[in-house]
Amino acid sequence: MIDIVPARSLGDDAARIVSEIFVDGFGQHFTAFTKDPGRLVGAFAHTFVLDLFYVATLDGEPAGIAACTDGVQGCVHSDAATMRQHLGLIRGMFAHWVFASQFSEPIKDPRPGQGSIEFVATAARHRGRGVASALLRWLHTLPQYDSFVLAEVADTNTGALSVYRRLGYVAYDRKPVRHGRFSGINAYVSLRYAKDSPAAPLGGGPVAR
């Protein structure tokens, strides 16, 4: 059974859990900083604004993450000193630059009633079991939003893009990246979903606790 819980509800381990799933999902893009996943987890754990993150648990085990904001409030905040502590002077500063400049900016054209879903990731051992789809379907039920965007999804994340399109998301923007040489990402694709769209799938979602 898939349940959705606020990241904060996971207590003192919340930042580590979110960071582990993030690195499991996106770590291949950050090997220029270090090839050690444990160091990436430690370096990135401080960046996540936990009040904005949700965790999907599968049979009680953390299995996936996603953040949801109004598109203006950032869901990550990087500290340069912490990045340097974990990754060294040069790689730490560059990691801080990537997080601060690429992951912390507001989305284009935010508007009332539109939610921004960010950092959707599933732990490798739980992929193929509907975790990401369950997270998004639950976020779609948030009453304060009538539409959602997934801004700047890495074009190399073809599996995720396929899931988003099956859920009714439509691409509306494509932006080349400046750090492709280091991350392996060529461009970020942005997608939009409207609750009243004919393509929006119906049906219930997982349980929120």
Protein backbone atom coordinates (compact mmCIF):
# COMPACT_ATOMS: atom_id res chain seq x y z
CA MET A 1 0.00 0.00 0.00
CA ILE A 2 1.25 3.47 -0.90
CA ASP A 3 0.76 6.24 1.66
CA ILE A 4 1.72 9.89 1.29
CA VAL A 5 3.18 11.68 4.33
CA PRO A 6 4.69 15.15 4.87
CA ALA A 7 8.47 14.86 4.99
CA ARG A 8 8.51 16.63 8.37
CA SER A 9 6.52 13.76 9.87
CA LEU A 10 9.57 11.51 9.46
CA GLY A 11 11.35 13.29 12.31
CA ASP A 12 15.09 13.77 12.62
CA ASP A 13 15.83 11.41 9.72
CA ALA A 14 13.68 13.37 7.26
CA ALA A 15 16.47 15.29 5.53
CA ARG A 16 18.59 12.17 5.12
CA ILE A 17 15.64 10.15 3.76
CA VAL A 18 14.74 12.84 1.22
CA SER A 19 18.39 13.21 0.20
CA GLU A 20 18.86 9.45 -0.20
CA ILE A 21 15.89 9.17 -2.53
CA PHE A 22 16.96 12.31 -4.41
CA VAL A 23 20.46 10.90 -4.97
CA ASP A 24 19.02 7.51 -5.90
CA GLY A 25 16.89 9.23 -8.52
CA PHE A 26 19.22 11.95 -9.79
CA GLY A 27 22.72 11.06 -8.55
CA GLN A 28 23.92 10.04 -12.01
CA HIS A 29 23.75 13.69 -13.01
CA PHE A 30 26.12 14.76 -10.24
CA THR A 31 29.04 12.34 -10.62
CA ALA A 32 31.27 15.28 -11.58
CA PHE A 33 31.08 16.28 -7.91
CA THR A 34 31.78 12.78 -6.57
CA LYS A 35 30.99 9.22 -7.59
CA ASP A 36 30.28 8.32 -3.94
CA PRO A 37 26.49 8.39 -3.37
CA GLY A 38 27.01 8.68 0.37
CA ARG A 39 28.95 11.93 -0.04
CA LEU A 40 26.23 13.31 -2.32
CA VAL A 41 23.57 12.42 0.27
CA GLY A 42 25.53 14.24 2.94
CA ALA A 43 26.21 17.26 0.75
CA PHE A 44 22.63 17.70 -0.44
CA ALA A 45 20.67 16.83 2.72
CA HIS A 46 20.78 20.40 4.09
CA THR A 47 19.29 21.90 0.92
CA PHE A 48 15.73 20.52 1.07
CA VAL A 49 12.98 22.70 2.54
CA LEU A 50 11.19 19.85 4.29
CA ASP A 51 7.92 21.71 4.82
CA LEU A 52 7.40 21.57 1.05
CA PHE A 53 8.29 17.91 0.51
CA TYR A 54 6.09 14.82 0.62
CA VAL A 55 7.27 11.25 0.91
CA ALA A 56 5.54 8.21 -0.53
CA THR A 57 5.90 5.13 1.63
CA LEU A 58 5.38 1.67 0.21
CA ASP A 59 4.41 -0.85 2.87
CA GLY A 60 5.87 1.54 5.44
CA GLU A 61 9.21 2.10 3.69
CA PRO A 62 10.16 5.47 2.15
CA ALA A 63 9.95 4.95 -1.60
CA GLY A 64 9.55 8.31 -3.35
CA ILE A 65 9.61 12.07 -2.91
CA ALA A 66 8.07 15.18 -4.45
CA ALA A 67 7.83 18.83 -3.49
CA CYS A 68 4.91 21.14 -4.23
CA THR A 69 5.07 24.94 -4.07
CA ASP A 70 3.29 27.97 -5.49
CA GLY A 71 6.09 28.33 -8.02
CA VAL A 72 7.61 31.30 -6.21
CA GLN A 73 8.78 29.79 -2.93
CA GLY A 74 11.90 27.72 -3.42
CA CYS A 75 12.00 24.15 -2.14
CA VAL A 76 15.81 24.01 -1.90
CA HIS A 77 18.30 26.39 -0.29
CA SER A 78 21.99 25.62 -0.64
CA ASP A 79 24.71 26.65 1.80
CA ALA A 80 28.10 27.03 0.16
CA ALA A 81 30.09 26.14 3.28
CA THR A 82 28.20 22.88 3.76
CA MET A 83 28.73 21.93 0.12
CA ARG A 84 32.47 22.63 0.44
CA GLN A 85 32.66 20.58 3.63
CA HIS A 86 31.34 17.50 1.85
CA LEU A 87 32.70 17.94 -1.67
CA GLY A 88 35.83 20.05 -1.34
CA LEU A 89 36.51 23.64 -2.36
CA ILE A 90 36.07 23.55 -6.14
CA ARG A 91 33.42 20.85 -6.49
CA GLY A 92 31.57 22.18 -3.45
CA MET A 93 31.38 25.68 -4.87
CA PHE A 94 30.20 24.39 -8.23
CA ALA A 95 27.55 22.19 -6.59
CA HIS A 96 26.37 25.23 -4.64
CA TRP A 97 26.18 27.25 -7.87
CA VAL A 98 24.12 24.53 -9.58
CA PHE A 99 21.64 24.33 -6.69
CA ALA A 100 21.46 28.10 -6.17
CA SER A 101 21.17 29.12 -9.82
CA GLN A 102 19.40 26.19 -11.45
CA PHE A 103 17.18 24.72 -8.73
CA SER A 104 16.19 27.69 -6.58
CA GLU A 105 14.73 30.16 -9.07
CA PRO A 106 10.96 30.75 -9.32
CA ILE A 107 9.24 29.15 -12.27
CA LYS A 108 8.35 31.23 -15.31
CA ASP A 109 5.02 33.03 -15.08
CA PRO A 110 3.72 31.73 -11.73
CA ARG A 111 0.04 32.44 -11.18
CA PRO A 112 -2.61 31.99 -8.48
CA GLY A 113 -4.08 28.53 -8.47
CA GLN A 114 -1.10 26.90 -10.16
CA GLY A 115 1.10 24.52 -8.20
CA SER A 116 4.68 23.67 -9.07
CA ILE A 117 5.63 20.03 -8.53
CA GLU A 118 9.37 19.57 -8.17
CA PHE A 119 12.04 16.95 -7.48
CA VAL A 120 9.90 13.89 -8.16
CA ALA A 121 12.04 10.80 -7.54
CA THR A 122 11.57 7.13 -6.75
CA ALA A 123 14.06 4.87 -4.96
CA ALA A 124 15.56 2.41 -7.44
CA ARG A 125 14.31 -0.68 -5.59
CA HIS A 126 10.71 0.58 -5.77
CA ARG A 127 10.56 1.67 -9.40
CA GLY A 128 7.89 0.21 -11.61
CA ARG A 129 5.40 -0.03 -8.75
CA GLY A 130 3.47 3.19 -9.38
CA VAL A 131 5.10 5.30 -6.67
CA ALA A 132 5.64 8.46 -8.75
CA SER A 133 2.19 8.22 -10.31
CA ALA A 134 0.64 7.85 -6.86
CA LEU A 135 2.50 10.90 -5.55
CA LEU A 136 1.37 13.07 -8.44
CA ARG A 137 -2.23 11.87 -8.35
CA TRP A 138 -2.36 12.74 -4.65
CA LEU A 139 -0.82 16.17 -5.21
CA HIS A 140 -3.43 16.79 -7.92
CA THR A 141 -6.11 16.60 -5.22
CA LEU A 142 -4.73 19.62 -3.32
CA PRO A 143 -7.72 21.99 -3.29
CA GLN A 144 -5.74 25.23 -3.56
CA TYR A 145 -4.56 24.41 -7.09
CA ASP A 146 -6.46 23.95 -10.36
CA SER A 147 -3.37 23.25 -12.45
CA PHE A 148 0.22 22.15 -12.00
CA VAL A 149 3.54 22.52 -13.74
CA LEU A 150 6.56 20.26 -13.70
CA ALA A 151 9.22 22.81 -14.60
CA GLU A 152 12.60 21.83 -15.98
CA VAL A 153 12.59 18.06 -15.95
CA ALA A 154 15.89 16.69 -17.26
CA ASP A 155 15.49 15.50 -20.84
CA THR A 156 17.57 12.44 -19.99
CA ASN A 157 14.90 11.32 -17.50
CA THR A 158 12.85 9.62 -20.20
CA GLY A 159 11.05 7.27 -17.81
CA ALA A 160 9.70 10.16 -15.75
CA LEU A 161 8.67 12.12 -18.82
CA SER A 162 6.72 9.10 -20.02
CA VAL A 163 4.89 8.85 -16.66
CA TYR A 164 4.04 12.56 -16.69
CA ARG A 165 2.60 12.40 -20.18
CA ARG A 166 0.47 9.38 -19.28
CA LEU A 167 -0.95 11.41 -16.39
CA GLY A 168 -2.01 14.17 -18.75
CA TYR A 169 0.96 16.56 -18.69
CA VAL A 170 1.79 18.44 -21.89
CA ALA A 171 5.22 19.95 -22.66
CA TYR A 172 5.27 23.73 -23.12
CA ASP A 173 8.94 24.74 -22.89
CA ARG A 174 12.45 23.36 -23.44
CA LYS A 175 15.55 25.10 -22.06
CA PRO A 176 19.18 24.13 -22.83
CA VAL A 177 21.41 23.93 -19.76
CA ARG A 178 24.80 25.47 -19.11
CA HIS A 179 26.15 22.64 -16.98
CA GLY A 180 25.51 19.80 -19.45
CA ARG A 181 29.20 18.94 -19.64
CA PHE A 182 29.16 18.12 -15.93
CA SER A 183 25.66 16.73 -15.41
CA GLY A 184 24.97 14.95 -18.69
CA ILE A 185 21.67 16.85 -19.04
CA ASN A 186 21.12 18.49 -22.43
CA ALA A 187 17.95 20.45 -21.68
CA TYR A 188 15.13 20.87 -19.19
CA VAL A 189 11.59 20.19 -20.37
CA SER A 190 8.64 21.93 -18.67
CA LEU A 191 5.15 20.39 -18.64
CA ARG A 192 1.71 21.55 -17.55
CA TYR A 193 -1.39 19.71 -16.24
CA ALA A 194 -4.91 21.12 -15.76
CA LYS A 195 -7.50 19.40 -13.60
CA ASP A 196 -10.21 20.09 -16.16
CA SER A 197 -8.14 18.84 -19.10
CA PRO A 198 -9.83 16.10 -21.17
CA ALA A 199 -6.55 14.18 -20.94
CA ALA A 200 -6.50 14.27 -17.14
CA PRO A 201 -7.01 10.69 -15.87
CA LEU A 202 -9.71 10.03 -13.31
CA GLY A 203 -9.57 7.81 -10.27
CA GLY A 204 -8.60 7.88 -6.63
CA GLY A 205 -5.14 8.21 -5.25
CA PRO A 206 -3.19 6.81 -2.34
CA VAL A 207 -3.94 7.53 1.29
CA ALA A 208 -2.49 10.65 2.92
CA ARG A 209 -1.55 10.31 6.57
